[in-house]
Structure formats: structure tokens, C-alpha cells
Amino acid sequence: MDYLHAALTESMRLYPPVPADFKEALEDDVLPDGTAVRARQRVIYYTYAMGRDKASWGPDCLEFRPERWLDARGAFAGGAESPYKYAVFNAGPRLCVGKRFAYAQMKAVAAAVLARFRVEVLPGQAEAVKPKLNTTLYMKRGLMVRFAAREQRHEPVTAAGGCAIKRELPKAAIERDGSCIQN
């Protein structure tokens, strides 16, 4: 599940569900760059732009690379030196209480779909995807994909790190180093 977790995290780095947020200062304060913030003043931050910042993510910041979140063994390592670098679920004392539940749901749905279908983006879609900034982020014209049922009953979906999603199990399961985890 580490690679799937990394892929979901990387997806939200590039396309955060909530592309902008704000905080309101309780009292006068000064930001790390020296900017003065008065009490009751709002500071807006854009998670959409933060996830594409070269200074934070490097020259490949616009590339989808789940590996940036994995350590040398292929285990999920976090990837962000500071919790404020990846603020998709907020950060610090305001961290979203539903973060773990959201990841569990995303993994369950992705594992169930990928265990039964091959999913491919239709030709011409990848270049045409334009996110629409709103309260929540969505694709302006949607994303057209094709689902193809997996032909072989035991056809695994493999990912980096030697993980395989097995179809023959009643629920999506991950096999790694000979052990299975039921979801």
C-alpha cells in the first residue's frame, strides 16, 4: 500500500481537493519573511501553487512522481521536510482529523477498481486537462477514461516495491513479502 499511498499523495500535491485556504490572525504577528500581520487579518495560501513550487519540490515539480514520497526500500517516507510544505490536509494544530480516514477510503476504492479493471486515459485527454479553481478543485471538462475488465482471474496489478493487488481474494488485498493484508 506504500506505493498507492505515495501515488495518492502525489496526485493531491499536484491537484489538491481544496486549492486555496486562509487563516485569520488572533493577534498581531510577523510571518517568517518579515511580513507584518495584524489581528483579525486573513492570510490566504494556495495549496495548488505550493504543490508546484520549484523552490520546495525541485525542477521536476510539475511531474507526477510518486517515488518522491518513498524511501530507498519503497516504504512511504512522507517526502516533506516540514508538515507545512504539504498542506493539502492543513498542518500543525489544524491538521484535518479525517486525513487517515480519507486515505483509507481512497486506497480502498483505488484497490477495488484496479483489481477488476485496467484504467486508461483516452487519447488527447492528458494534454487537455485543465483544473478549475473553485472552493474545491475539479477538472473543467472532466477526464475521459476507459475501463477494461481484467481478462485473467489472477492477473495482478503490480506497483513499485513488489506489491500486487490480487483479484482472486474476496476483498482487495495487498501481498508483499509473502504476507497479505485484507482491506
N, C-alpha and C. Protein backbone atom coordinates (compact mmCIF):
# COMPACT_ATOMS: atom_id res chain seq x y z
N MET A 1 0.81 -1.20 0.00
CA MET A 1 0.00 0.00 0.00
C MET A 1 0.85 1.27 0.00
N ASP A 2 2.15 1.12 0.24
CA ASP A 2 3.02 2.30 0.27
C ASP A 2 3.03 3.05 -1.06
N TYR A 3 3.14 2.30 -2.17
CA TYR A 3 3.18 2.97 -3.47
C TYR A 3 1.84 3.64 -3.77
N LEU A 4 0.75 2.97 -3.44
CA LEU A 4 -0.57 3.56 -3.64
C LEU A 4 -0.72 4.83 -2.80
N HIS A 5 -0.26 4.77 -1.55
CA HIS A 5 -0.31 5.94 -0.67
C HIS A 5 0.50 7.09 -1.28
N ALA A 6 1.68 6.76 -1.81
CA ALA A 6 2.54 7.77 -2.44
C ALA A 6 1.87 8.35 -3.69
N ALA A 7 1.23 7.50 -4.49
CA ALA A 7 0.56 7.97 -5.71
C ALA A 7 -0.60 8.90 -5.37
N LEU A 8 -1.36 8.56 -4.35
CA LEU A 8 -2.47 9.43 -3.93
C LEU A 8 -1.95 10.76 -3.39
N THR A 9 -0.89 10.70 -2.60
CA THR A 9 -0.29 11.91 -2.05
C THR A 9 0.25 12.81 -3.16
N GLU A 10 0.92 12.20 -4.13
CA GLU A 10 1.47 12.96 -5.25
C GLU A 10 0.34 13.56 -6.10
N SER A 11 -0.74 12.82 -6.28
CA SER A 11 -1.89 13.35 -7.02
C SER A 11 -2.44 14.59 -6.34
N MET A 12 -2.55 14.53 -5.02
CA MET A 12 -3.10 15.68 -4.29
C MET A 12 -2.09 16.82 -4.17
N ARG A 13 -0.80 16.51 -4.28
CA ARG A 13 0.20 17.60 -4.32
C ARG A 13 -0.04 18.45 -5.56
N LEU A 14 -0.27 17.79 -6.70
CA LEU A 14 -0.48 18.50 -7.96
C LEU A 14 -1.91 19.01 -8.12
N TYR A 15 -2.87 18.27 -7.59
CA TYR A 15 -4.29 18.64 -7.73
C TYR A 15 -4.97 18.54 -6.36
N PRO A 16 -4.68 19.48 -5.46
CA PRO A 16 -5.28 19.41 -4.12
C PRO A 16 -6.80 19.60 -4.17
N PRO A 17 -7.54 18.83 -3.39
CA PRO A 17 -9.00 18.97 -3.40
C PRO A 17 -9.46 20.38 -3.04
N VAL A 18 -8.78 21.01 -2.11
CA VAL A 18 -9.07 22.40 -1.73
C VAL A 18 -7.85 23.22 -2.14
N PRO A 19 -7.94 23.95 -3.27
CA PRO A 19 -6.76 24.62 -3.82
C PRO A 19 -6.31 25.88 -3.09
N ALA A 20 -7.16 26.44 -2.25
CA ALA A 20 -6.79 27.65 -1.50
C ALA A 20 -7.48 27.63 -0.14
N ASP A 21 -6.84 28.23 0.82
CA ASP A 21 -7.40 28.29 2.17
C ASP A 21 -6.90 29.59 2.82
N PHE A 22 -7.39 29.88 3.99
CA PHE A 22 -6.91 31.08 4.68
C PHE A 22 -6.87 30.83 6.17
N LYS A 23 -6.11 31.65 6.83
CA LYS A 23 -6.05 31.66 8.29
C LYS A 23 -6.29 33.10 8.72
N GLU A 24 -6.82 33.26 9.91
CA GLU A 24 -7.05 34.59 10.46
C GLU A 24 -6.20 34.74 11.72
N ALA A 25 -5.42 35.80 11.78
CA ALA A 25 -4.55 36.03 12.93
C ALA A 25 -5.38 36.42 14.15
N LEU A 26 -5.10 35.78 15.28
CA LEU A 26 -5.78 36.12 16.52
C LEU A 26 -5.21 37.39 17.13
N GLU A 27 -3.92 37.61 16.88
CA GLU A 27 -3.24 38.80 17.40
C GLU A 27 -2.19 39.24 16.39
N ASP A 28 -1.64 40.42 16.57
CA ASP A 28 -0.59 40.89 15.67
C ASP A 28 0.55 39.88 15.66
N ASP A 29 1.10 39.66 14.48
CA ASP A 29 2.17 38.67 14.34
C ASP A 29 3.06 39.07 13.17
N VAL A 30 4.15 38.35 13.00
CA VAL A 30 5.06 38.59 11.88
C VAL A 30 5.36 37.24 11.23
N LEU A 31 5.19 37.16 9.91
CA LEU A 31 5.48 35.93 9.18
C LEU A 31 6.99 35.73 9.08
N PRO A 32 7.45 34.50 8.80
CA PRO A 32 8.90 34.24 8.72
C PRO A 32 9.66 35.15 7.74
N ASP A 33 8.98 35.64 6.71
CA ASP A 33 9.67 36.51 5.74
C ASP A 33 9.67 37.98 6.17
N GLY A 34 9.12 38.27 7.36
CA GLY A 34 9.11 39.64 7.86
C GLY A 34 7.81 40.39 7.63
N THR A 35 6.85 39.79 6.95
CA THR A 35 5.57 40.44 6.68
C THR A 35 4.76 40.57 7.97
N ALA A 36 4.33 41.78 8.27
CA ALA A 36 3.51 42.02 9.46
C ALA A 36 2.06 41.63 9.18
N VAL A 37 1.45 40.96 10.13
CA VAL A 37 0.04 40.56 10.03
C VAL A 37 -0.66 41.10 11.28
N ARG A 38 -1.71 41.87 11.07
CA ARG A 38 -2.45 42.46 12.19
C ARG A 38 -3.52 41.49 12.69
N ALA A 39 -3.94 41.67 13.90
CA ALA A 39 -5.01 40.86 14.48
C ALA A 39 -6.25 40.92 13.59
N ARG A 40 -6.91 39.80 13.42
CA ARG A 40 -8.12 39.63 12.61
C ARG A 40 -7.87 39.77 11.10
N GLN A 41 -6.62 39.90 10.70
CA GLN A 41 -6.30 39.96 9.27
C GLN A 41 -6.19 38.53 8.75
N ARG A 42 -6.68 38.32 7.53
CA ARG A 42 -6.64 36.99 6.92
C ARG A 42 -5.41 36.84 6.03
N VAL A 43 -4.83 35.67 6.10
CA VAL A 43 -3.69 35.32 5.25
C VAL A 43 -4.15 34.16 4.38
N ILE A 44 -4.16 34.37 3.07
CA ILE A 44 -4.58 33.33 2.13
C ILE A 44 -3.36 32.57 1.64
N TYR A 45 -3.48 31.26 1.57
CA TYR A 45 -2.40 30.45 0.99
C TYR A 45 -3.01 29.51 -0.04
N TYR A 46 -2.24 29.26 -1.10
CA TYR A 46 -2.72 28.47 -2.22
C TYR A 46 -1.99 27.13 -2.26
N THR A 47 -2.68 26.07 -1.82
CA THR A 47 -2.06 24.74 -1.84
C THR A 47 -1.78 24.30 -3.27
N TYR A 48 -2.57 24.78 -4.22
CA TYR A 48 -2.35 24.45 -5.63
C TYR A 48 -0.98 24.96 -6.07
N ALA A 49 -0.66 26.21 -5.74
CA ALA A 49 0.63 26.79 -6.10
C ALA A 49 1.76 26.20 -5.25
N MET A 50 1.49 25.93 -3.99
CA MET A 50 2.51 25.36 -3.11
C MET A 50 3.00 24.01 -3.62
N GLY A 51 2.11 23.22 -4.18
CA GLY A 51 2.48 21.90 -4.71
C GLY A 51 3.25 21.96 -6.00
N ARG A 52 3.34 23.13 -6.60
CA ARG A 52 4.04 23.31 -7.88
C ARG A 52 5.23 24.26 -7.75
N ASP A 53 5.65 24.51 -6.54
CA ASP A 53 6.73 25.45 -6.27
C ASP A 53 8.10 24.79 -6.44
N LYS A 54 8.90 25.31 -7.39
CA LYS A 54 10.23 24.75 -7.66
C LYS A 54 11.14 24.82 -6.44
N ALA A 55 11.05 25.89 -5.68
CA ALA A 55 11.90 26.03 -4.50
C ALA A 55 11.62 24.93 -3.48
N SER A 56 10.39 24.47 -3.41
CA SER A 56 10.02 23.42 -2.46
C SER A 56 10.20 22.01 -3.02
N TRP A 57 9.83 21.80 -4.28
CA TRP A 57 9.77 20.46 -4.85
C TRP A 57 10.83 20.17 -5.90
N GLY A 58 11.61 21.14 -6.28
CA GLY A 58 12.68 20.93 -7.24
C GLY A 58 12.25 21.18 -8.67
N PRO A 59 13.20 21.00 -9.61
CA PRO A 59 12.92 21.31 -11.01
C PRO A 59 11.86 20.41 -11.65
N ASP A 60 11.61 19.25 -11.05
CA ASP A 60 10.60 18.34 -11.59
C ASP A 60 9.25 18.51 -10.88
N CYS A 61 9.01 19.70 -10.32
CA CYS A 61 7.81 19.94 -9.51
C CYS A 61 6.50 19.75 -10.27
N LEU A 62 6.51 19.84 -11.59
CA LEU A 62 5.28 19.67 -12.37
C LEU A 62 5.07 18.23 -12.82
N GLU A 63 6.04 17.37 -12.54
CA GLU A 63 5.95 15.96 -12.93
C GLU A 63 5.27 15.14 -11.84
N PHE A 64 4.49 14.16 -12.28
CA PHE A 64 3.85 13.22 -11.36
C PHE A 64 4.88 12.13 -11.04
N ARG A 65 5.46 12.17 -9.83
CA ARG A 65 6.48 11.22 -9.41
C ARG A 65 6.18 10.72 -8.00
N PRO A 66 5.38 9.67 -7.86
CA PRO A 66 5.09 9.14 -6.52
C PRO A 66 6.34 8.73 -5.75
N GLU A 67 7.40 8.40 -6.48
CA GLU A 67 8.64 7.96 -5.83
C GLU A 67 9.23 9.02 -4.91
N ARG A 68 8.88 10.27 -5.10
CA ARG A 68 9.43 11.33 -4.23
C ARG A 68 8.97 11.13 -2.78
N TRP A 69 7.93 10.34 -2.57
CA TRP A 69 7.39 10.11 -1.23
C TRP A 69 7.91 8.82 -0.59
N LEU A 70 8.71 8.04 -1.33
CA LEU A 70 9.17 6.74 -0.85
C LEU A 70 10.64 6.78 -0.44
N ASP A 71 11.00 5.94 0.53
CA ASP A 71 12.42 5.83 0.89
C ASP A 71 13.08 4.79 -0.02
N ALA A 72 14.34 4.48 0.22
CA ALA A 72 15.10 3.57 -0.63
C ALA A 72 14.52 2.15 -0.64
N ARG A 73 13.80 1.77 0.42
CA ARG A 73 13.19 0.44 0.48
C ARG A 73 11.81 0.39 -0.17
N GLY A 74 11.30 1.55 -0.60
CA GLY A 74 9.98 1.59 -1.21
C GLY A 74 8.87 1.83 -0.21
N ALA A 75 9.22 2.16 1.04
CA ALA A 75 8.22 2.43 2.07
C ALA A 75 7.86 3.92 2.03
N PHE A 76 6.61 4.23 2.35
CA PHE A 76 6.19 5.63 2.38
C PHE A 76 6.98 6.36 3.45
N ALA A 77 7.62 7.46 3.07
CA ALA A 77 8.50 8.18 3.99
C ALA A 77 8.02 9.60 4.27
N GLY A 78 6.96 10.02 3.65
CA GLY A 78 6.46 11.37 3.89
C GLY A 78 6.86 12.37 2.83
N GLY A 79 8.14 12.46 2.52
CA GLY A 79 8.59 13.31 1.43
C GLY A 79 8.69 14.79 1.70
N ALA A 80 8.01 15.29 2.71
CA ALA A 80 8.06 16.72 3.01
C ALA A 80 8.86 16.94 4.29
N GLU A 81 9.87 17.79 4.20
CA GLU A 81 10.71 18.07 5.36
C GLU A 81 9.92 18.76 6.46
N SER A 82 8.92 19.53 6.07
CA SER A 82 8.09 20.26 7.01
C SER A 82 6.62 19.91 6.75
N PRO A 83 5.82 19.76 7.79
CA PRO A 83 4.40 19.47 7.56
C PRO A 83 3.69 20.62 6.84
N TYR A 84 4.28 21.81 6.85
CA TYR A 84 3.68 22.96 6.19
C TYR A 84 4.00 23.02 4.70
N LYS A 85 4.93 22.18 4.26
CA LYS A 85 5.28 22.13 2.84
C LYS A 85 4.15 21.47 2.04
N TYR A 86 3.52 20.46 2.63
CA TYR A 86 2.42 19.73 2.00
C TYR A 86 1.19 19.96 2.88
N ALA A 87 0.45 21.01 2.58
CA ALA A 87 -0.67 21.43 3.44
C ALA A 87 -2.03 21.03 2.87
N VAL A 88 -2.07 19.95 2.10
CA VAL A 88 -3.32 19.51 1.48
C VAL A 88 -4.39 19.22 2.54
N PHE A 89 -3.98 18.65 3.67
CA PHE A 89 -4.91 18.36 4.76
C PHE A 89 -4.71 19.36 5.91
N ASN A 90 -4.19 20.55 5.58
CA ASN A 90 -3.83 21.55 6.55
C ASN A 90 -2.56 21.08 7.26
N ALA A 91 -2.15 21.73 8.33
CA ALA A 91 -0.91 21.36 9.01
C ALA A 91 -0.94 21.86 10.44
N GLY A 92 -0.04 21.34 11.23
CA GLY A 92 0.08 21.77 12.62
C GLY A 92 -1.14 21.43 13.44
N PRO A 93 -1.52 22.31 14.37
CA PRO A 93 -2.65 22.02 15.24
C PRO A 93 -3.99 21.97 14.51
N ARG A 94 -4.04 22.46 13.28
CA ARG A 94 -5.27 22.45 12.49
C ARG A 94 -5.31 21.31 11.47
N LEU A 95 -4.45 20.31 11.64
CA LEU A 95 -4.43 19.16 10.73
C LEU A 95 -5.80 18.50 10.69
N CYS A 96 -6.26 18.17 9.51
CA CYS A 96 -7.58 17.57 9.31
C CYS A 96 -7.72 16.27 10.10
N VAL A 97 -8.74 16.18 10.94
CA VAL A 97 -8.94 14.98 11.74
C VAL A 97 -9.37 13.79 10.87
N GLY A 98 -9.87 14.06 9.67
CA GLY A 98 -10.31 12.99 8.78
C GLY A 98 -9.25 12.52 7.79
N LYS A 99 -8.01 12.99 7.93
CA LYS A 99 -6.96 12.66 6.97
C LYS A 99 -6.76 11.15 6.82
N ARG A 100 -6.62 10.44 7.92
CA ARG A 100 -6.38 8.99 7.85
C ARG A 100 -7.59 8.27 7.25
N PHE A 101 -8.78 8.71 7.61
CA PHE A 101 -10.00 8.11 7.07
C PHE A 101 -10.09 8.37 5.57
N ALA A 102 -9.75 9.58 5.14
CA ALA A 102 -9.78 9.91 3.71
C ALA A 102 -8.81 9.03 2.93
N TYR A 103 -7.60 8.84 3.44
CA TYR A 103 -6.63 7.97 2.78
C TYR A 103 -7.14 6.53 2.74
N ALA A 104 -7.73 6.06 3.83
CA ALA A 104 -8.26 4.69 3.86
C ALA A 104 -9.34 4.51 2.80
N GLN A 105 -10.22 5.48 2.66
CA GLN A 105 -11.27 5.40 1.64
C GLN A 105 -10.69 5.44 0.23
N MET A 106 -9.76 6.35 -0.01
CA MET A 106 -9.15 6.45 -1.34
C MET A 106 -8.45 5.15 -1.71
N LYS A 107 -7.72 4.57 -0.76
CA LYS A 107 -7.00 3.32 -1.02
C LYS A 107 -7.96 2.17 -1.29
N ALA A 108 -9.03 2.09 -0.52
CA ALA A 108 -10.00 1.01 -0.71
C ALA A 108 -10.65 1.08 -2.08
N VAL A 109 -11.06 2.28 -2.49
CA VAL A 109 -11.69 2.45 -3.80
C VAL A 109 -10.69 2.16 -4.92
N ALA A 110 -9.50 2.74 -4.83
CA ALA A 110 -8.48 2.53 -5.87
C ALA A 110 -8.11 1.06 -5.98
N ALA A 111 -7.90 0.38 -4.86
CA ALA A 111 -7.54 -1.04 -4.89
C ALA A 111 -8.66 -1.88 -5.49
N ALA A 112 -9.90 -1.59 -5.12
CA ALA A 112 -11.03 -2.36 -5.66
C ALA A 112 -11.18 -2.16 -7.16
N VAL A 113 -11.06 -0.92 -7.63
CA VAL A 113 -11.20 -0.63 -9.07
C VAL A 113 -10.04 -1.24 -9.84
N LEU A 114 -8.81 -1.02 -9.38
CA LEU A 114 -7.64 -1.52 -10.11
C LEU A 114 -7.54 -3.04 -10.09
N ALA A 115 -8.13 -3.68 -9.08
CA ALA A 115 -8.13 -5.14 -9.04
C ALA A 115 -9.03 -5.73 -10.13
N ARG A 116 -10.03 -5.00 -10.54
CA ARG A 116 -11.01 -5.52 -11.51
C ARG A 116 -10.87 -4.93 -12.91
N PHE A 117 -10.26 -3.76 -13.01
CA PHE A 117 -10.20 -3.07 -14.31
C PHE A 117 -8.82 -2.50 -14.60
N ARG A 118 -8.52 -2.41 -15.89
CA ARG A 118 -7.40 -1.59 -16.36
C ARG A 118 -8.02 -0.24 -16.70
N VAL A 119 -7.40 0.82 -16.26
CA VAL A 119 -7.93 2.16 -16.49
C VAL A 119 -6.93 2.93 -17.34
N GLU A 120 -7.41 3.48 -18.46
CA GLU A 120 -6.52 4.29 -19.28
C GLU A 120 -7.20 5.60 -19.66
N VAL A 121 -6.40 6.64 -19.66
CA VAL A 121 -6.90 7.95 -20.07
C VAL A 121 -7.04 7.93 -21.58
N LEU A 122 -8.18 8.39 -22.09
CA LEU A 122 -8.41 8.40 -23.53
C LEU A 122 -7.44 9.35 -24.23
N PRO A 123 -7.08 9.05 -25.47
CA PRO A 123 -6.12 9.89 -26.21
C PRO A 123 -6.56 11.35 -26.24
N GLY A 124 -5.57 12.23 -26.07
CA GLY A 124 -5.82 13.66 -26.12
C GLY A 124 -6.30 14.26 -24.81
N GLN A 125 -6.63 13.43 -23.84
CA GLN A 125 -7.16 13.93 -22.57
C GLN A 125 -6.07 14.52 -21.68
N ALA A 126 -4.93 13.85 -21.61
CA ALA A 126 -3.89 14.28 -20.68
C ALA A 126 -3.46 15.72 -20.95
N GLU A 127 -3.37 16.09 -22.21
CA GLU A 127 -2.96 17.44 -22.56
C GLU A 127 -4.08 18.45 -22.34
N ALA A 128 -5.32 18.00 -22.42
CA ALA A 128 -6.47 18.90 -22.35
C ALA A 128 -6.99 19.11 -20.93
N VAL A 129 -6.43 18.39 -19.96
CA VAL A 129 -6.93 18.51 -18.59
C VAL A 129 -6.59 19.89 -18.04
N LYS A 130 -7.62 20.62 -17.71
CA LYS A 130 -7.46 21.96 -17.14
C LYS A 130 -8.23 21.99 -15.82
N PRO A 131 -7.52 22.13 -14.71
CA PRO A 131 -8.24 22.19 -13.45
C PRO A 131 -9.02 23.50 -13.33
N LYS A 132 -10.16 23.43 -12.70
CA LYS A 132 -10.98 24.62 -12.47
C LYS A 132 -10.86 24.96 -10.99
N LEU A 133 -10.32 26.14 -10.73
CA LEU A 133 -10.16 26.58 -9.35
C LEU A 133 -11.49 27.09 -8.82
N ASN A 134 -11.88 26.54 -7.71
CA ASN A 134 -13.12 26.89 -7.06
C ASN A 134 -12.90 26.61 -5.58
N THR A 135 -13.95 26.50 -4.81
CA THR A 135 -13.79 26.10 -3.42
C THR A 135 -13.13 24.73 -3.35
N THR A 136 -13.55 23.85 -4.25
CA THR A 136 -12.88 22.56 -4.41
C THR A 136 -12.37 22.48 -5.85
N LEU A 137 -11.32 21.70 -6.05
CA LEU A 137 -10.70 21.61 -7.37
C LEU A 137 -11.35 20.48 -8.16
N TYR A 138 -11.68 20.74 -9.40
CA TYR A 138 -12.18 19.69 -10.28
C TYR A 138 -11.73 19.99 -11.70
N MET A 139 -11.86 18.99 -12.58
CA MET A 139 -11.43 19.17 -13.96
C MET A 139 -12.52 19.92 -14.72
N LYS A 140 -12.13 20.95 -15.40
CA LYS A 140 -13.06 21.84 -16.10
C LYS A 140 -13.99 21.09 -17.04
N ARG A 141 -13.46 20.18 -17.84
CA ARG A 141 -14.27 19.40 -18.78
C ARG A 141 -14.32 17.91 -18.41
N GLY A 142 -13.92 17.60 -17.18
CA GLY A 142 -13.88 16.20 -16.77
C GLY A 142 -12.65 15.51 -17.33
N LEU A 143 -12.51 14.25 -17.04
CA LEU A 143 -11.40 13.45 -17.54
C LEU A 143 -11.99 12.16 -18.09
N MET A 144 -11.88 11.98 -19.39
CA MET A 144 -12.45 10.80 -20.04
C MET A 144 -11.46 9.64 -19.95
N VAL A 145 -11.91 8.53 -19.37
CA VAL A 145 -11.08 7.34 -19.23
C VAL A 145 -11.85 6.13 -19.75
N ARG A 146 -11.11 5.07 -20.03
CA ARG A 146 -11.71 3.81 -20.47
C ARG A 146 -11.42 2.76 -19.39
N PHE A 147 -12.45 2.03 -18.99
CA PHE A 147 -12.29 0.92 -18.06
C PHE A 147 -12.37 -0.36 -18.87
N ALA A 148 -11.39 -1.23 -18.72
CA ALA A 148 -11.40 -2.53 -19.39
C ALA A 148 -11.28 -3.60 -18.32
N ALA A 149 -12.24 -4.51 -18.30
CA ALA A 149 -12.20 -5.59 -17.31
C ALA A 149 -10.92 -6.39 -17.49
N ARG A 150 -10.33 -6.76 -16.40
CA ARG A 150 -9.12 -7.60 -16.46
C ARG A 150 -9.54 -8.97 -16.96
N GLU A 151 -8.81 -9.49 -17.94
CA GLU A 151 -9.19 -10.73 -18.60
C GLU A 151 -8.89 -11.97 -17.78
N GLN A 152 -7.75 -12.01 -17.13
CA GLN A 152 -7.37 -13.18 -16.35
C GLN A 152 -7.80 -13.01 -14.91
N ARG A 153 -8.33 -14.09 -14.36
CA ARG A 153 -8.80 -14.02 -12.98
C ARG A 153 -7.67 -13.70 -12.00
N HIS A 154 -6.47 -14.16 -12.29
CA HIS A 154 -5.35 -13.97 -11.37
C HIS A 154 -4.36 -12.93 -11.88
N GLU A 155 -4.81 -12.04 -12.75
CA GLU A 155 -3.93 -11.01 -13.30
C GLU A 155 -3.66 -9.96 -12.22
N PRO A 156 -2.41 -9.85 -11.75
CA PRO A 156 -2.12 -8.88 -10.69
C PRO A 156 -1.86 -7.48 -11.23
N VAL A 157 -2.11 -6.51 -10.40
CA VAL A 157 -1.73 -5.13 -10.68
C VAL A 157 -0.49 -4.90 -9.85
N THR A 158 0.63 -4.67 -10.50
CA THR A 158 1.86 -4.50 -9.74
C THR A 158 2.25 -3.04 -9.66
N ALA A 159 2.95 -2.73 -8.62
CA ALA A 159 3.44 -1.37 -8.42
C ALA A 159 4.87 -1.47 -7.92
N ALA A 160 5.55 -0.36 -7.82
CA ALA A 160 6.92 -0.34 -7.33
C ALA A 160 6.96 -0.95 -5.93
N GLY A 161 8.05 -1.59 -5.60
CA GLY A 161 8.19 -2.19 -4.28
C GLY A 161 7.67 -3.61 -4.22
N GLY A 162 7.26 -4.19 -5.35
CA GLY A 162 6.84 -5.58 -5.38
C GLY A 162 5.45 -5.83 -4.84
N CYS A 163 4.61 -4.82 -4.73
CA CYS A 163 3.24 -5.02 -4.25
C CYS A 163 2.37 -5.51 -5.40
N ALA A 164 1.41 -6.35 -5.10
CA ALA A 164 0.47 -6.81 -6.13
C ALA A 164 -0.92 -6.85 -5.53
N ILE A 165 -1.88 -6.35 -6.26
CA ILE A 165 -3.28 -6.43 -5.84
C ILE A 165 -3.83 -7.69 -6.47
N LYS A 166 -4.33 -8.61 -5.67
CA LYS A 166 -4.80 -9.90 -6.17
C LYS A 166 -6.31 -9.90 -6.36
N ARG A 167 -6.77 -10.32 -7.54
CA ARG A 167 -8.20 -10.32 -7.84
C ARG A 167 -8.94 -11.48 -7.20
N GLU A 168 -8.26 -12.63 -7.01
CA GLU A 168 -8.98 -13.81 -6.58
C GLU A 168 -9.46 -13.74 -5.13
N LEU A 169 -9.01 -12.76 -4.37
CA LEU A 169 -9.46 -12.62 -3.00
C LEU A 169 -10.82 -11.93 -2.97
N PRO A 170 -11.65 -12.22 -1.97
CA PRO A 170 -12.97 -11.61 -1.92
C PRO A 170 -12.93 -10.09 -1.78
N LYS A 171 -11.94 -9.57 -1.12
CA LYS A 171 -11.76 -8.13 -0.99
C LYS A 171 -10.37 -7.80 -1.51
N ALA A 172 -10.16 -6.54 -1.84
CA ALA A 172 -8.83 -6.14 -2.31
C ALA A 172 -7.82 -6.46 -1.21
N ALA A 173 -6.72 -7.06 -1.59
CA ALA A 173 -5.67 -7.39 -0.63
C ALA A 173 -4.32 -7.05 -1.23
N ILE A 174 -3.39 -6.76 -0.40
CA ILE A 174 -2.05 -6.44 -0.85
C ILE A 174 -1.12 -7.54 -0.38
N GLU A 175 -0.31 -8.02 -1.28
CA GLU A 175 0.65 -9.05 -0.94
C GLU A 175 2.04 -8.46 -1.05
N ARG A 176 2.81 -8.58 -0.01
CA ARG A 176 4.18 -8.06 0.00
C ARG A 176 5.01 -8.99 0.87
N ASP A 177 6.09 -9.48 0.34
CA ASP A 177 6.98 -10.38 1.07
C ASP A 177 6.22 -11.58 1.64
N GLY A 178 5.27 -12.10 0.89
CA GLY A 178 4.56 -13.32 1.29
C GLY A 178 3.43 -13.12 2.27
N SER A 179 3.15 -11.92 2.72
CA SER A 179 2.06 -11.72 3.68
C SER A 179 0.95 -10.92 3.02
N CYS A 180 -0.29 -11.20 3.41
CA CYS A 180 -1.44 -10.50 2.83
C CYS A 180 -2.11 -9.64 3.90
N ILE A 181 -2.60 -8.52 3.48
CA ILE A 181 -3.35 -7.63 4.36
C ILE A 181 -4.73 -7.47 3.75
N GLN A 182 -5.78 -7.85 4.45
CA GLN A 182 -7.15 -7.68 3.95
C GLN A 182 -7.57 -6.24 4.18
N ASN A 183 -8.26 -5.68 3.21
CA ASN A 183 -8.81 -4.32 3.36
C ASN A 183 -10.30 -4.41 3.55
